[in-house]
Amino acid sequence: MDPFDRLGLPRRPLLYNEEIGTAYRKLAGEHHPDQNGGEAFQFKELGEAQMILLDPAKRLRALSGIASSGSLPPAAAAYFPAIATLIQQADSLLEKRSLASNDLGRALLAAPLKMLARDLEAICSQLDDWLAQLNQELVLLDSQWPRHDPVTLNLLADSFSYASRWQNQLRERKLALDSL
């Protein structure tokens, strides 16, 4: 299934969530299984197409037709050690906090947890900046479309994939810390 074709959208690197949502809602209304003439399979395909096009990494992969290279993009490699360390620290401290059986044990963890929260906030800010840079690269790629380098397209897709995944993982840890 070609998600662009399924939603009737142009095959471009840059699509806005509003235009994807509008195309989806229009077609979903026509193909919903509860509607006269609607079909569950077509409705399911519309949802899948929307999910692919809303994610920049998946959208770029759909354009290229090539799976991830599996290698860490250079920009991601610069963030990896700090992010991996923070995730491990967060998991360890959160586990220690959950096992702390008294007020003294929890109090001893307060300072390291506060420092971890500060470090998580700092790396999340850096990831936000990186995602903003990736979005600028996406706009530039779109302005030159359909001329493109497949390697650049895949590198950008890989970068979006890592940045989004790490952002979600760090937000989960931050939310867990904030709920203490």
Protein backbone atom coordinates (compact mmCIF):
# COMPACT_ATOMS: atom_id res chain seq x y z
CA MET A 1 0.00 0.00 0.00
CA ASP A 2 1.28 3.45 -0.93
CA PRO A 3 0.21 5.73 1.97
CA PHE A 4 0.42 8.84 -0.20
CA ASP A 5 -1.84 7.35 -2.85
CA ARG A 6 -4.20 5.89 -0.23
CA LEU A 7 -4.86 9.34 1.24
CA GLY A 8 -4.66 11.15 -2.11
CA LEU A 9 -1.68 13.26 -1.03
CA PRO A 10 1.37 14.26 -3.08
CA ARG A 11 4.54 12.17 -2.71
CA ARG A 12 6.62 14.78 -0.89
CA PRO A 13 8.93 14.72 2.13
CA LEU A 14 7.07 17.55 3.86
CA LEU A 15 3.40 17.12 4.66
CA TYR A 16 1.66 19.00 7.44
CA ASN A 17 -0.36 17.17 10.07
CA GLU A 18 -3.41 19.29 9.20
CA GLU A 19 -3.42 18.24 5.55
CA ILE A 20 -2.88 14.59 6.49
CA GLY A 21 -5.70 14.79 9.02
CA THR A 22 -8.05 16.51 6.58
CA ALA A 23 -7.40 13.90 3.88
CA TYR A 24 -7.87 11.09 6.40
CA ARG A 25 -11.13 12.44 7.84
CA LYS A 26 -12.61 12.99 4.38
CA LEU A 27 -11.85 9.45 3.22
CA ALA A 28 -12.56 7.83 6.59
CA GLY A 29 -16.05 9.33 6.50
CA GLU A 30 -16.63 7.72 3.11
CA HIS A 31 -15.10 4.32 3.93
CA HIS A 32 -16.13 3.84 7.56
CA PRO A 33 -17.65 0.37 7.98
CA ASP A 34 -20.79 1.88 9.54
CA GLN A 35 -21.43 3.97 6.43
CA ASN A 36 -23.41 2.67 3.49
CA GLY A 37 -20.82 1.18 1.12
CA GLY A 38 -18.02 1.46 3.71
CA GLU A 39 -15.47 -1.32 4.01
CA ALA A 40 -13.46 -2.29 7.11
CA PHE A 41 -10.31 -3.20 5.15
CA GLN A 42 -10.18 0.15 3.33
CA PHE A 43 -10.88 1.98 6.58
CA LYS A 44 -8.00 0.11 8.27
CA GLU A 45 -5.67 0.98 5.38
CA LEU A 46 -6.58 4.66 5.76
CA GLY A 47 -5.58 4.55 9.43
CA GLU A 48 -2.29 2.84 8.60
CA ALA A 49 -1.55 5.37 5.86
CA GLN A 50 -2.25 8.23 8.25
CA MET A 51 0.09 6.76 10.90
CA ILE A 52 2.90 6.38 8.34
CA LEU A 53 2.54 9.91 6.95
CA LEU A 54 2.31 11.57 10.37
CA ASP A 55 5.74 10.17 11.31
CA PRO A 56 8.52 11.94 9.36
CA ALA A 57 10.84 8.90 9.54
CA LYS A 58 8.18 6.51 8.22
CA ARG A 59 7.09 9.04 5.58
CA LEU A 60 10.68 9.36 4.30
CA ARG A 61 11.03 5.56 4.26
CA ALA A 62 7.81 5.30 2.24
CA LEU A 63 9.27 7.78 -0.25
CA SER A 64 12.59 6.00 -0.57
CA GLY A 65 11.25 2.47 -0.48
CA ILE A 66 14.42 1.46 1.39
CA ALA A 67 14.53 0.10 4.93
CA SER A 68 16.71 1.61 7.63
CA SER A 69 20.43 1.18 7.17
CA GLY A 70 20.64 0.03 10.77
CA SER A 71 23.66 2.23 11.41
CA LEU A 72 23.69 5.16 13.78
CA PRO A 73 23.65 8.51 11.93
CA PRO A 74 26.66 10.72 12.81
CA ALA A 75 24.56 13.33 14.61
CA ALA A 76 22.81 10.60 16.62
CA ALA A 77 26.17 9.10 17.54
CA ALA A 78 27.06 12.35 19.29
CA TYR A 79 23.98 12.08 21.55
CA PHE A 80 24.00 8.34 22.14
CA PRO A 81 26.48 8.08 25.07
CA ALA A 82 24.79 10.83 27.10
CA ILE A 83 21.28 9.52 26.44
CA ALA A 84 22.15 5.89 27.17
CA THR A 85 23.85 6.92 30.42
CA LEU A 86 20.91 9.06 31.53
CA ILE A 87 18.39 6.33 30.77
CA GLN A 88 20.42 3.82 32.78
CA GLN A 89 20.81 6.27 35.66
CA ALA A 90 17.11 7.09 35.62
CA ASP A 91 16.09 3.43 35.63
CA SER A 92 18.51 2.64 38.43
CA LEU A 93 17.49 5.59 40.62
CA LEU A 94 13.78 5.02 40.01
CA GLU A 95 14.18 1.38 41.01
CA LYS A 96 16.14 2.35 44.15
CA ARG A 97 13.43 4.90 44.98
CA SER A 98 10.69 2.30 44.61
CA LEU A 99 12.61 -0.10 46.87
CA ALA A 100 13.38 2.52 49.52
CA SER A 101 11.48 1.30 52.56
CA ASN A 102 11.75 4.35 54.78
CA ASP A 103 11.93 8.13 54.75
CA LEU A 104 15.70 8.16 55.27
CA GLY A 105 16.29 5.95 52.22
CA ARG A 106 14.05 8.20 50.10
CA ALA A 107 15.72 11.34 51.47
CA LEU A 108 19.17 10.03 50.52
CA LEU A 109 17.96 9.67 46.93
CA ALA A 110 16.47 13.17 46.72
CA ALA A 111 19.68 14.94 45.62
CA PRO A 112 20.64 12.40 42.93
CA LEU A 113 17.05 12.41 41.63
CA LYS A 114 17.04 16.20 41.48
CA MET A 115 20.36 16.20 39.58
CA LEU A 116 19.02 13.54 37.21
CA ALA A 117 15.89 15.61 36.55
CA ARG A 118 18.10 18.60 35.68
CA ASP A 119 20.26 16.48 33.36
CA LEU A 120 17.17 14.98 31.67
CA GLU A 121 15.80 18.46 31.08
CA ALA A 122 19.09 19.57 29.52
CA ILE A 123 19.36 16.61 27.13
CA CYS A 124 15.67 16.94 26.20
CA SER A 125 16.35 20.55 25.27
CA GLN A 126 19.29 19.45 23.10
CA LEU A 127 17.08 16.83 21.42
CA ASP A 128 14.42 19.48 20.76
CA ASP A 129 17.10 21.59 19.06
CA TRP A 130 18.23 18.60 16.99
CA LEU A 131 14.63 17.86 15.95
CA ALA A 132 14.22 21.51 14.91
CA GLN A 133 17.38 21.17 12.79
CA LEU A 134 16.03 17.93 11.25
CA ASN A 135 12.78 19.70 10.42
CA GLN A 136 14.75 22.46 8.69
CA GLU A 137 16.57 19.79 6.66
CA LEU A 138 13.18 18.31 5.77
CA VAL A 139 11.97 21.70 4.50
CA LEU A 140 15.14 22.07 2.42
CA LEU A 141 14.76 18.55 1.01
CA ASP A 142 11.14 19.30 0.14
CA SER A 143 12.09 22.55 -1.62
CA GLN A 144 14.42 20.58 -3.90
CA TRP A 145 11.97 17.71 -4.45
CA PRO A 146 11.86 15.56 -6.57
CA ARG A 147 15.65 15.93 -6.91
CA HIS A 148 17.12 14.08 -3.96
CA ASP A 149 19.94 11.86 -2.86
CA PRO A 150 18.59 8.53 -1.54
CA VAL A 151 21.43 8.31 0.99
CA THR A 152 20.50 11.74 2.39
CA LEU A 153 16.84 10.76 2.47
CA ASN A 154 17.61 7.59 4.46
CA LEU A 155 20.03 9.38 6.78
CA LEU A 156 17.34 11.94 7.57
CA ALA A 157 14.79 9.16 8.16
CA ASP A 158 17.20 7.37 10.51
CA SER A 159 17.91 10.62 12.35
CA PHE A 160 14.19 11.33 12.84
CA SER A 161 13.70 7.77 14.05
CA TYR A 162 16.44 7.97 16.69
CA ALA A 163 15.51 11.48 17.82
CA SER A 164 11.82 10.60 18.24
CA ARG A 165 12.53 7.33 20.05
CA TRP A 166 15.00 8.95 22.44
CA GLN A 167 12.71 11.88 23.06
CA ASN A 168 9.91 9.49 24.06
CA GLN A 169 12.19 7.41 26.29
CA LEU A 170 13.53 10.49 28.08
CA ARG A 171 10.05 11.98 28.52
CA GLU A 172 8.89 8.71 30.11
CA ARG A 173 11.73 8.87 32.64
CA LYS A 174 11.10 12.56 33.29
CA LEU A 175 7.40 11.89 33.86
CA ALA A 176 8.28 9.08 36.28
CA LEU A 177 10.59 11.46 38.18
CA ASP A 178 7.99 14.24 38.22
CA SER A 179 5.41 11.87 39.70
CA LEU A 180 7.56 11.14 42.78
